[in-house]
Amino acid sequence: MRRREPRALSHAVAALADRLAPQTTLAEVQRVWPEAVGEVVAAQAEPTGERDGVLTVTCASAVWAQELDLMGPELTERINAALGTEAVRSLRCSSAPARGWS
């Protein structure tokens, strides 16, 4: 009888995480976001909502929100390519509120 080598735990954890993740467009976009938009954009912005194909993206600053607005059509195409479906029609970008202001 031949003994099988143990499988890496990371494979089991990744499979479990995929099964437990919410099956929503937002969850799917969040999963592919870094690869679709690149590390630089992903470090400054994150998808925070989705409704009827309009993806809400919260950015670290107003400058980033404006930049992503300009890049919207290109980013939408890249996100949909990563998803393998035309789930996102457009982006709605906003900046995060300033912290410490009352």
PDB file of N, CA and C in Angstrom:
ATOM      1  N   MET A   1       0.840  -1.168   0.000  1.00  0.00           N
ATOM      2  CA  MET A   1       0.000   0.000   0.000  1.00  0.00           C
ATOM      3  C   MET A   1       0.891   1.239   0.000  1.00  0.00           C
ATOM      4  N   ARG A   2       0.621   2.142  -0.915  1.00  0.00           N
ATOM      5  CA  ARG A   2       1.431   3.347  -1.051  1.00  0.00           C
ATOM      6  C   ARG A   2       0.834   4.481  -0.224  1.00  0.00           C
ATOM      7  N   ARG A   3       1.663   5.112   0.528  1.00  0.00           N
ATOM      8  CA  ARG A   3       1.202   6.202   1.390  1.00  0.00           C
ATOM      9  C   ARG A   3       1.229   7.514   0.605  1.00  0.00           C
ATOM     10  N   ARG A   4       0.134   8.248   0.659  1.00  0.00           N
ATOM     11  CA  ARG A   4       0.052   9.545  -0.004  1.00  0.00           C
ATOM     12  C   ARG A   4       0.723  10.598   0.858  1.00  0.00           C
ATOM     13  N   GLU A   5       1.340  11.551   0.197  1.00  0.00           N
ATOM     14  CA  GLU A   5       1.954  12.656   0.927  1.00  0.00           C
ATOM     15  C   GLU A   5       0.858  13.560   1.469  1.00  0.00           C
ATOM     16  N   PRO A   6       1.107  14.187   2.606  1.00  0.00           N
ATOM     17  CA  PRO A   6       0.105  15.116   3.138  1.00  0.00           C
ATOM     18  C   PRO A   6      -0.047  16.320   2.217  1.00  0.00           C
ATOM     19  N   ARG A   7      -1.253  16.809   2.131  1.00  0.00           N
ATOM     20  CA  ARG A   7      -1.517  17.996   1.317  1.00  0.00           C
ATOM     21  C   ARG A   7      -1.342  19.228   2.187  1.00  0.00           C
ATOM     22  N   ALA A   8      -0.951  20.300   1.560  1.00  0.00           N
ATOM     23  CA  ALA A   8      -0.739  21.548   2.287  1.00  0.00           C
ATOM     24  C   ALA A   8      -2.067  22.034   2.862  1.00  0.00           C
ATOM     25  N   LEU A   9      -2.034  22.513   4.077  1.00  0.00           N
ATOM     26  CA  LEU A   9      -3.222  23.025   4.740  1.00  0.00           C
ATOM     27  C   LEU A   9      -3.784  24.242   3.998  1.00  0.00           C
ATOM     28  N   SER A  10      -2.910  25.006   3.342  1.00  0.00           N
ATOM     29  CA  SER A  10      -3.352  26.220   2.641  1.00  0.00           C
ATOM     30  C   SER A  10      -4.394  25.905   1.574  1.00  0.00           C
ATOM     31  N   HIS A  11      -4.297  24.741   0.933  1.00  0.00           N
ATOM     32  CA  HIS A  11      -5.290  24.369  -0.083  1.00  0.00           C
ATOM     33  C   HIS A  11      -6.667  24.156   0.540  1.00  0.00           C
ATOM     34  N   ALA A  12      -6.695  23.489   1.674  1.00  0.00           N
ATOM     35  CA  ALA A  12      -7.963  23.238   2.358  1.00  0.00           C
ATOM     36  C   ALA A  12      -8.571  24.533   2.877  1.00  0.00           C
ATOM     37  N   VAL A  13      -7.727  25.418   3.421  1.00  0.00           N
ATOM     38  CA  VAL A  13      -8.225  26.692   3.947  1.00  0.00           C
ATOM     39  C   VAL A  13      -8.767  27.553   2.810  1.00  0.00           C
ATOM     40  N   ALA A  14      -8.070  27.602   1.684  1.00  0.00           N
ATOM     41  CA  ALA A  14      -8.528  28.387   0.530  1.00  0.00           C
ATOM     42  C   ALA A  14      -9.863  27.859   0.011  1.00  0.00           C
ATOM     43  N   ALA A  15     -10.002  26.552  -0.072  1.00  0.00           N
ATOM     44  CA  ALA A  15     -11.264  25.960  -0.531  1.00  0.00           C
ATOM     45  C   ALA A  15     -12.396  26.277   0.436  1.00  0.00           C
ATOM     46  N   LEU A  16     -12.129  26.206   1.729  1.00  0.00           N
ATOM     47  CA  LEU A  16     -13.147  26.530   2.731  1.00  0.00           C
ATOM     48  C   LEU A  16     -13.535  27.998   2.646  1.00  0.00           C
ATOM     49  N   ALA A  17     -12.559  28.878   2.500  1.00  0.00           N
ATOM     50  CA  ALA A  17     -12.840  30.313   2.394  1.00  0.00           C
ATOM     51  C   ALA A  17     -13.706  30.609   1.176  1.00  0.00           C
ATOM     52  N   ASP A  18     -13.437  29.947   0.053  1.00  0.00           N
ATOM     53  CA  ASP A  18     -14.260  30.139  -1.149  1.00  0.00           C
ATOM     54  C   ASP A  18     -15.700  29.699  -0.912  1.00  0.00           C
ATOM     55  N   ARG A  19     -15.883  28.589  -0.185  1.00  0.00           N
ATOM     56  CA  ARG A  19     -17.243  28.104   0.082  1.00  0.00           C
ATOM     57  C   ARG A  19     -17.982  28.998   1.064  1.00  0.00           C
ATOM     58  N   LEU A  20     -17.276  29.616   2.014  1.00  0.00           N
ATOM     59  CA  LEU A  20     -17.912  30.446   3.031  1.00  0.00           C
ATOM     60  C   LEU A  20     -18.121  31.894   2.602  1.00  0.00           C
ATOM     61  N   ALA A  21     -17.425  32.335   1.566  1.00  0.00           N
ATOM     62  CA  ALA A  21     -17.538  33.725   1.117  1.00  0.00           C
ATOM     63  C   ALA A  21     -18.947  33.994   0.610  1.00  0.00           C
ATOM     64  N   PRO A  22     -19.478  35.176   0.875  1.00  0.00           N
ATOM     65  CA  PRO A  22     -20.804  35.519   0.371  1.00  0.00           C
ATOM     66  C   PRO A  22     -20.821  35.467  -1.156  1.00  0.00           C
ATOM     67  N   GLN A  23     -21.893  35.025  -1.720  1.00  0.00           N
ATOM     68  CA  GLN A  23     -22.012  34.902  -3.170  1.00  0.00           C
ATOM     69  C   GLN A  23     -22.660  36.164  -3.738  1.00  0.00           C
ATOM     70  N   THR A  24     -21.991  37.294  -3.593  1.00  0.00           N
ATOM     71  CA  THR A  24     -22.495  38.555  -4.103  1.00  0.00           C
ATOM     72  C   THR A  24     -21.487  39.125  -5.083  1.00  0.00           C
ATOM     73  N   THR A  25     -21.949  40.050  -5.914  1.00  0.00           N
ATOM     74  CA  THR A  25     -21.037  40.704  -6.854  1.00  0.00           C
ATOM     75  C   THR A  25     -19.937  41.432  -6.098  1.00  0.00           C
ATOM     76  N   LEU A  26     -20.295  42.121  -5.016  1.00  0.00           N
ATOM     77  CA  LEU A  26     -19.286  42.848  -4.237  1.00  0.00           C
ATOM     78  C   LEU A  26     -18.217  41.903  -3.716  1.00  0.00           C
ATOM     79  N   ALA A  27     -18.608  40.777  -3.164  1.00  0.00           N
ATOM     80  CA  ALA A  27     -17.639  39.814  -2.637  1.00  0.00           C
ATOM     81  C   ALA A  27     -16.723  39.301  -3.742  1.00  0.00           C
ATOM     82  N   GLU A  28     -17.276  39.049  -4.909  1.00  0.00           N
ATOM     83  CA  GLU A  28     -16.470  38.585  -6.040  1.00  0.00           C
ATOM     84  C   GLU A  28     -15.482  39.663  -6.466  1.00  0.00           C
ATOM     85  N   VAL A  29     -15.950  40.913  -6.547  1.00  0.00           N
ATOM     86  CA  VAL A  29     -15.059  42.017  -6.926  1.00  0.00           C
ATOM     87  C   VAL A  29     -13.960  42.188  -5.886  1.00  0.00           C
ATOM     88  N   GLN A  30     -14.299  42.138  -4.615  1.00  0.00           N
ATOM     89  CA  GLN A  30     -13.292  42.281  -3.561  1.00  0.00           C
ATOM     90  C   GLN A  30     -12.230  41.191  -3.660  1.00  0.00           C
ATOM     91  N   ARG A  31     -12.639  40.014  -4.071  1.00  0.00           N
ATOM     92  CA  ARG A  31     -11.702  38.896  -4.204  1.00  0.00           C
ATOM     93  C   ARG A  31     -10.696  39.133  -5.330  1.00  0.00           C
ATOM     94  N   VAL A  32     -11.142  39.707  -6.455  1.00  0.00           N
ATOM     95  CA  VAL A  32     -10.253  39.901  -7.609  1.00  0.00           C
ATOM     96  C   VAL A  32      -9.646  41.302  -7.674  1.00  0.00           C
ATOM     97  N   TRP A  33     -10.063  42.201  -6.790  1.00  0.00           N
ATOM     98  CA  TRP A  33      -9.661  43.608  -6.830  1.00  0.00           C
ATOM     99  C   TRP A  33      -8.149  43.818  -6.991  1.00  0.00           C
ATOM    100  N   PRO A  34      -7.301  43.280  -6.112  1.00  0.00           N
ATOM    101  CA  PRO A  34      -5.861  43.569  -6.238  1.00  0.00           C
ATOM    102  C   PRO A  34      -5.276  43.140  -7.585  1.00  0.00           C
ATOM    103  N   GLU A  35      -5.664  41.983  -8.061  1.00  0.00           N
ATOM    104  CA  GLU A  35      -5.123  41.514  -9.344  1.00  0.00           C
ATOM    105  C   GLU A  35      -5.698  42.316 -10.509  1.00  0.00           C
ATOM    106  N   ALA A  36      -6.934  42.760 -10.404  1.00  0.00           N
ATOM    107  CA  ALA A  36      -7.576  43.477 -11.507  1.00  0.00           C
ATOM    108  C   ALA A  36      -7.078  44.913 -11.641  1.00  0.00           C
ATOM    109  N   VAL A  37      -6.869  45.592 -10.524  1.00  0.00           N
ATOM    110  CA  VAL A  37      -6.514  47.017 -10.579  1.00  0.00           C
ATOM    111  C   VAL A  37      -5.039  47.278 -10.314  1.00  0.00           C
ATOM    112  N   GLY A  38      -4.334  46.297  -9.790  1.00  0.00           N
ATOM    113  CA  GLY A  38      -2.922  46.471  -9.488  1.00  0.00           C
ATOM    114  C   GLY A  38      -2.708  46.851  -8.035  1.00  0.00           C
ATOM    115  N   GLU A  39      -1.500  46.584  -7.558  1.00  0.00           N
ATOM    116  CA  GLU A  39      -1.177  46.791  -6.145  1.00  0.00           C
ATOM    117  C   GLU A  39      -1.244  48.256  -5.719  1.00  0.00           C
ATOM    118  N   VAL A  40      -0.820  49.163  -6.601  1.00  0.00           N
ATOM    119  CA  VAL A  40      -0.789  50.583  -6.241  1.00  0.00           C
ATOM    120  C   VAL A  40      -2.200  51.109  -6.006  1.00  0.00           C
ATOM    121  N   VAL A  41      -3.105  50.818  -6.933  1.00  0.00           N
ATOM    122  CA  VAL A  41      -4.496  51.268  -6.790  1.00  0.00           C
ATOM    123  C   VAL A  41      -5.151  50.563  -5.610  1.00  0.00           C
ATOM    124  N   ALA A  42      -4.923  49.257  -5.474  1.00  0.00           N
ATOM    125  CA  ALA A  42      -5.535  48.496  -4.383  1.00  0.00           C
ATOM    126  C   ALA A  42      -5.101  49.014  -3.015  1.00  0.00           C
ATOM    127  N   ALA A  43      -3.897  49.573  -2.922  1.00  0.00           N
ATOM    128  CA  ALA A  43      -3.422  50.118  -1.653  1.00  0.00           C
ATOM    129  C   ALA A  43      -4.109  51.438  -1.307  1.00  0.00           C
ATOM    130  N   GLN A  44      -4.692  52.115  -2.296  1.00  0.00           N
ATOM    131  CA  GLN A  44      -5.297  53.429  -2.093  1.00  0.00           C
ATOM    132  C   GLN A  44      -6.814  53.436  -2.184  1.00  0.00           C
ATOM    133  N   ALA A  45      -7.397  52.326  -2.639  1.00  0.00           N
ATOM    134  CA  ALA A  45      -8.847  52.290  -2.845  1.00  0.00           C
ATOM    135  C   ALA A  45      -9.369  50.874  -2.651  1.00  0.00           C
ATOM    136  N   GLU A  46     -10.627  50.793  -2.209  1.00  0.00           N
ATOM    137  CA  GLU A  46     -11.238  49.478  -2.037  1.00  0.00           C
ATOM    138  C   GLU A  46     -12.712  49.526  -2.409  1.00  0.00           C
ATOM    139  N   PRO A  47     -13.207  48.439  -3.009  1.00  0.00           N
ATOM    140  CA  PRO A  47     -14.631  48.379  -3.324  1.00  0.00           C
ATOM    141  C   PRO A  47     -15.428  48.202  -2.036  1.00  0.00           C
ATOM    142  N   THR A  48     -16.430  49.066  -1.841  1.00  0.00           N
ATOM    143  CA  THR A  48     -17.182  49.028  -0.585  1.00  0.00           C
ATOM    144  C   THR A  48     -18.681  48.825  -0.778  1.00  0.00           C
ATOM    145  N   GLY A  49     -19.127  48.815  -2.015  1.00  0.00           N
ATOM    146  CA  GLY A  49     -20.550  48.611  -2.262  1.00  0.00           C
ATOM    147  C   GLY A  49     -20.804  48.327  -3.727  1.00  0.00           C
ATOM    148  N   GLU A  50     -21.970  47.763  -3.998  1.00  0.00           N
ATOM    149  CA  GLU A  50     -22.373  47.487  -5.380  1.00  0.00           C
ATOM    150  C   GLU A  50     -23.885  47.464  -5.442  1.00  0.00           C
ATOM    151  N   ARG A  51     -24.420  48.135  -6.443  1.00  0.00           N
ATOM    152  CA  ARG A  51     -25.866  48.116  -6.647  1.00  0.00           C
ATOM    153  C   ARG A  51     -26.147  48.258  -8.129  1.00  0.00           C
ATOM    154  N   ASP A  52     -26.862  47.303  -8.681  1.00  0.00           N
ATOM    155  CA  ASP A  52     -27.250  47.313 -10.092  1.00  0.00           C
ATOM    156  C   ASP A  52     -26.068  47.546 -11.024  1.00  0.00           C
ATOM    157  N   GLY A  53     -24.915  46.943 -10.718  1.00  0.00           N
ATOM    158  CA  GLY A  53     -23.759  47.042 -11.587  1.00  0.00           C
ATOM    159  C   GLY A  53     -22.894  48.263 -11.377  1.00  0.00           C
ATOM    160  N   VAL A  54     -23.289  49.141 -10.458  1.00  0.00           N
ATOM    161  CA  VAL A  54     -22.481  50.327 -10.144  1.00  0.00           C
ATOM    162  C   VAL A  54     -21.657  49.992  -8.897  1.00  0.00           C
ATOM    163  N   LEU A  55     -20.341  49.973  -9.064  1.00  0.00           N
ATOM    164  CA  LEU A  55     -19.428  49.615  -7.991  1.00  0.00           C
ATOM    165  C   LEU A  55     -18.989  50.876  -7.259  1.00  0.00           C
ATOM    166  N   THR A  56     -19.227  50.925  -5.954  1.00  0.00           N
ATOM    167  CA  THR A  56     -18.774  52.041  -5.135  1.00  0.00           C
ATOM    168  C   THR A  56     -17.378  51.726  -4.637  1.00  0.00           C
ATOM    169  N   VAL A  57     -16.467  52.670  -4.875  1.00  0.00           N
ATOM    170  CA  VAL A  57     -15.071  52.507  -4.483  1.00  0.00           C
ATOM    171  C   VAL A  57     -14.717  53.650  -3.536  1.00  0.00           C
ATOM    172  N   THR A  58     -14.234  53.311  -2.349  1.00  0.00           N
ATOM    173  CA  THR A  58     -13.813  54.315  -1.376  1.00  0.00           C
ATOM    174  C   THR A  58     -12.301  54.462  -1.475  1.00  0.00           C
ATOM    175  N   CYS A  59     -11.870  55.696  -1.689  1.00  0.00           N
ATOM    176  CA  CYS A  59     -10.459  56.002  -1.920  1.00  0.00           C
ATOM    177  C   CYS A  59      -9.854  56.716  -0.712  1.00  0.00           C
ATOM    178  N   ALA A  60      -8.548  56.632  -0.612  1.00  0.00           N
ATOM    179  CA  ALA A  60      -7.833  57.239   0.515  1.00  0.00           C
ATOM    180  C   ALA A  60      -7.867  58.757   0.471  1.00  0.00           C
ATOM    181  N   SER A  61      -8.059  59.347  -0.697  1.00  0.00           N
ATOM    182  CA  SER A  61      -8.093  60.803  -0.809  1.00  0.00           C
ATOM    183  C   SER A  61      -8.955  61.208  -2.006  1.00  0.00           C
ATOM    184  N   ALA A  62      -9.307  62.485  -2.042  1.00  0.00           N
ATOM    185  CA  ALA A  62     -10.093  63.012  -3.162  1.00  0.00           C
ATOM    186  C   ALA A  62      -9.315  62.931  -4.470  1.00  0.00           C
ATOM    187  N   VAL A  63      -8.011  63.072  -4.385  1.00  0.00           N
ATOM    188  CA  VAL A  63      -7.174  62.970  -5.584  1.00  0.00           C
ATOM    189  C   VAL A  63      -7.267  61.574  -6.180  1.00  0.00           C
ATOM    190  N   TRP A  64      -7.213  60.564  -5.320  1.00  0.00           N
ATOM    191  CA  TRP A  64      -7.351  59.189  -5.803  1.00  0.00           C
ATOM    192  C   TRP A  64      -8.750  58.941  -6.357  1.00  0.00           C
ATOM    193  N   ALA A  65      -9.771  59.477  -5.721  1.00  0.00           N
ATOM    194  CA  ALA A  65     -11.138  59.308  -6.214  1.00  0.00           C
ATOM    195  C   ALA A  65     -11.271  59.905  -7.614  1.00  0.00           C
ATOM    196  N   GLN A  66     -10.709  61.084  -7.825  1.00  0.00           N
ATOM    197  CA  GLN A  66     -10.765  61.724  -9.142  1.00  0.00           C
ATOM    198  C   GLN A  66      -9.991  60.908 -10.177  1.00  0.00           C
ATOM    199  N   GLU A  67      -8.831  60.424  -9.799  1.00  0.00           N
ATOM    200  CA  GLU A  67      -8.022  59.613 -10.714  1.00  0.00           C
ATOM    201  C   GLU A  67      -8.767  58.341 -11.128  1.00  0.00           C
ATOM    202  N   LEU A  68      -9.392  57.679 -10.162  1.00  0.00           N
ATOM    203  CA  LEU A  68     -10.130  56.452 -10.492  1.00  0.00           C
ATOM    204  C   LEU A  68     -11.374  56.750 -11.304  1.00  0.00           C
ATOM    205  N   ASP A  69     -11.999  57.909 -11.091  1.00  0.00           N
ATOM    206  CA  ASP A  69     -13.115  58.313 -11.952  1.00  0.00           C
ATOM    207  C   ASP A  69     -12.650  58.392 -13.401  1.00  0.00           C
ATOM    208  N   LEU A  70     -11.485  58.980 -13.619  1.00  0.00           N
ATOM    209  CA  LEU A  70     -10.946  59.098 -14.970  1.00  0.00           C
ATOM    210  C   LEU A  70     -10.581  57.737 -15.556  1.00  0.00           C
ATOM    211  N   MET A  71     -10.118  56.830 -14.711  1.00  0.00           N
ATOM    212  CA  MET A  71      -9.730  55.482 -15.145  1.00  0.00           C
ATOM    213  C   MET A  71     -10.911  54.516 -15.161  1.00  0.00           C
ATOM    214  N   GLY A  72     -12.109  54.992 -14.808  1.00  0.00           N
ATOM    215  CA  GLY A  72     -13.282  54.136 -14.646  1.00  0.00           C
ATOM    216  C   GLY A  72     -13.528  53.131 -15.754  1.00  0.00           C
ATOM    217  N   PRO A  73     -13.613  53.565 -17.011  1.00  0.00           N
ATOM    218  CA  PRO A  73     -13.887  52.599 -18.072  1.00  0.00           C
ATOM    219  C   PRO A  73     -12.823  51.501 -18.189  1.00  0.00           C
ATOM    220  N   GLU A  74     -11.562  51.873 -18.051  1.00  0.00           N
ATOM    221  CA  GLU A  74     -10.484  50.891 -18.125  1.00  0.00           C
ATOM    222  C   GLU A  74     -10.549  49.918 -16.951  1.00  0.00           C
ATOM    223  N   LEU A  75     -10.759  50.455 -15.735  1.00  0.00           N
ATOM    224  CA  LEU A  75     -10.835  49.592 -14.550  1.00  0.00           C
ATOM    225  C   LEU A  75     -12.041  48.670 -14.614  1.00  0.00           C
ATOM    226  N   THR A  76     -13.158  49.195 -15.096  1.00  0.00           N
ATOM    227  CA  THR A  76     -14.369  48.374 -15.238  1.00  0.00           C
ATOM    228  C   THR A  76     -14.094  47.190 -16.160  1.00  0.00           C
ATOM    229  N   GLU A  77     -13.427  47.448 -17.258  1.00  0.00           N
ATOM    230  CA  GLU A  77     -13.093  46.388 -18.210  1.00  0.00           C
ATOM    231  C   GLU A  77     -12.177  45.347 -17.568  1.00  0.00           C
ATOM    232  N   ARG A  78     -11.174  45.805 -16.823  1.00  0.00           N
ATOM    233  CA  ARG A  78     -10.236  44.889 -16.176  1.00  0.00           C
ATOM    234  C   ARG A  78     -10.917  44.066 -15.077  1.00  0.00           C
ATOM    235  N   ILE A  79     -11.809  44.689 -14.316  1.00  0.00           N
ATOM    236  CA  ILE A  79     -12.541  43.965 -13.262  1.00  0.00           C
ATOM    237  C   ILE A  79     -13.421  42.894 -13.884  1.00  0.00           C
ATOM    238  N   ASN A  80     -14.166  43.264 -14.925  1.00  0.00           N
ATOM    239  CA  ASN A  80     -15.040  42.292 -15.585  1.00  0.00           C
ATOM    240  C   ASN A  80     -14.241  41.147 -16.199  1.00  0.00           C
ATOM    241  N   ALA A  81     -13.062  41.449 -16.744  1.00  0.00           N
ATOM    242  CA  ALA A  81     -12.214  40.387 -17.299  1.00  0.00           C
ATOM    243  C   ALA A  81     -11.782  39.429 -16.188  1.00  0.00           C
ATOM    244  N   ALA A  82     -11.421  39.961 -15.030  1.00  0.00           N
ATOM    245  CA  ALA A  82     -11.014  39.123 -13.903  1.00  0.00           C
ATOM    246  C   ALA A  82     -12.177  38.286 -13.378  1.00  0.00           C
ATOM    247  N   LEU A  83     -13.387  38.855 -13.439  1.00  0.00           N
ATOM    248  CA  LEU A  83     -14.579  38.130 -12.981  1.00  0.00           C
ATOM    249  C   LEU A  83     -15.046  37.104 -14.007  1.00  0.00           C
ATOM    250  N   GLY A  84     -14.750  37.353 -15.274  1.00  0.00           N
ATOM    251  CA  GLY A  84     -15.231  36.468 -16.336  1.00  0.00           C
ATOM    252  C   GLY A  84     -16.677  36.735 -16.700  1.00  0.00           C
ATOM    253  N   THR A  85     -17.193  37.901 -16.320  1.00  0.00           N
ATOM    254  CA  THR A  85     -18.572  38.279 -16.619  1.00  0.00           C
ATOM    255  C   THR A  85     -18.682  39.803 -16.611  1.00  0.00           C
ATOM    256  N   GLU A  86     -19.715  40.321 -17.231  1.00  0.00           N
ATOM    257  CA  GLU A  86     -19.935  41.772 -17.298  1.00  0.00           C
ATOM    258  C   GLU A  86     -20.793  42.224 -16.108  1.00  0.00           C
ATOM    259  N   ALA A  87     -20.319  41.994 -14.906  1.00  0.00           N
ATOM    260  CA  ALA A  87     -21.084  42.299 -13.693  1.00  0.00           C
ATOM    261  C   ALA A  87     -21.035  43.773 -13.308  1.00  0.00           C
ATOM    262  N   VAL A  88     -19.958  44.471 -13.669  1.00  0.00           N
ATOM    263  CA  VAL A  88     -19.782  45.867 -13.275  1.00  0.00           C
ATOM    264  C   VAL A  88     -19.984  46.757 -14.496  1.00  0.00           C
ATOM    265  N   ARG A  89     -20.906  47.732 -14.372  1.00  0.00           N
ATOM    266  CA  ARG A  89     -21.176  48.669 -15.472  1.00  0.00           C
ATOM    267  C   ARG A  89     -20.357  49.938 -15.342  1.00  0.00           C
ATOM    268  N   SER A  90     -20.162  50.403 -14.103  1.00  0.00           N
ATOM    269  CA  SER A  90     -19.430  51.640 -13.888  1.00  0.00           C
ATOM    270  C   SER A  90     -18.939  51.715 -12.450  1.00  0.00           C
ATOM    271  N   LEU A  91     -18.049  52.696 -12.210  1.00  0.00           N
ATOM    272  CA  LEU A  91     -17.530  52.940 -10.876  1.00  0.00           C
ATOM    273  C   LEU A  91     -18.089  54.250 -10.342  1.00  0.00           C
ATOM    274  N   ARG A  92     -18.301  54.297  -9.054  1.00  0.00           N
ATOM    275  CA  ARG A  92     -18.660  55.531  -8.343  1.00  0.00           C
ATOM    276  C   ARG A  92     -17.622  55.677  -7.245  1.00  0.00           C
ATOM    277  N   CYS A  93     -16.744  56.669  -7.405  1.00  0.00           N
ATOM    278  CA  CYS A  93     -15.614  56.810  -6.492  1.00  0.00           C
ATOM    279  C   CYS A  93     -15.830  57.968  -5.536  1.00  0.00           C
ATOM    280  N   SER A  94     -15.457  57.745  -4.287  1.00  0.00           N
ATOM    281  CA  SER A  94     -15.532  58.805  -3.286  1.00  0.00           C
ATOM    282  C   SER A  94     -14.328  58.659  -2.372  1.00  0.00           C
ATOM    283  N   SER A  95     -14.037  59.731  -1.641  1.00  0.00           N
ATOM    284  CA  SER A  95     -12.911  59.676  -0.713  1.00  0.00           C
ATOM    285  C   SER A  95     -13.433  59.364   0.685  1.00  0.00           C
ATOM    286  N   ALA A  96     -12.581  58.740   1.458  1.00  0.00           N
ATOM    287  CA  ALA A  96     -12.932  58.416   2.842  1.00  0.00           C
ATOM    288  C   ALA A  96     -13.004  59.720   3.628  1.00  0.00           C
ATOM    289  N   PRO A  97     -13.909  59.831   4.586  1.00  0.00           N
ATOM    290  CA  PRO A  97     -13.971  61.042   5.386  1.00  0.00           C
ATOM    291  C   PRO A  97     -12.685  61.233   6.182  1.00  0.00           C
ATOM    292  N   ALA A  98     -12.312  62.492   6.364  1.00  0.00           N
ATOM    293  CA  ALA A  98     -11.105  62.799   7.140  1.00  0.00           C
ATOM    294  C   ALA A  98     -11.303  62.352   8.577  1.00  0.00           C
ATOM    295  N   ARG A  99     -10.279  61.802   9.165  1.00  0.00           N
ATOM    296  CA  ARG A  99     -10.359  61.339  10.551  1.00  0.00           C
ATOM    297  C   ARG A  99      -9.967  62.471  11.488  1.00  0.00           C
ATOM    298  N   GLY A 100     -10.608  62.517  12.620  1.00  0.00           N
ATOM    299  CA  GLY A 100     -10.255  63.503  13.628  1.00  0.00           C
ATOM    300  C   GLY A 100     -10.981  64.832  13.504  1.00  0.00           C
ATOM    301  N   TRP A 101     -11.810  64.991  12.506  1.00  0.00           N
ATOM    302  CA  TRP A 101     -12.574  66.248  12.345  1.00  0.00           C
ATOM    303  C   TRP A 101     -13.931  66.062  12.990  1.00  0.00           C
ATOM    304  N   SER A 102     -14.322  66.989  13.795  1.00  0.00           N
ATOM    305  CA  SER A 102     -15.631  66.884  14.458  1.00  0.00           C
ATOM    306  C   SER A 102     -16.532  68.005  14.004  1.00  0.00           C
TER     307      SER A 102
END
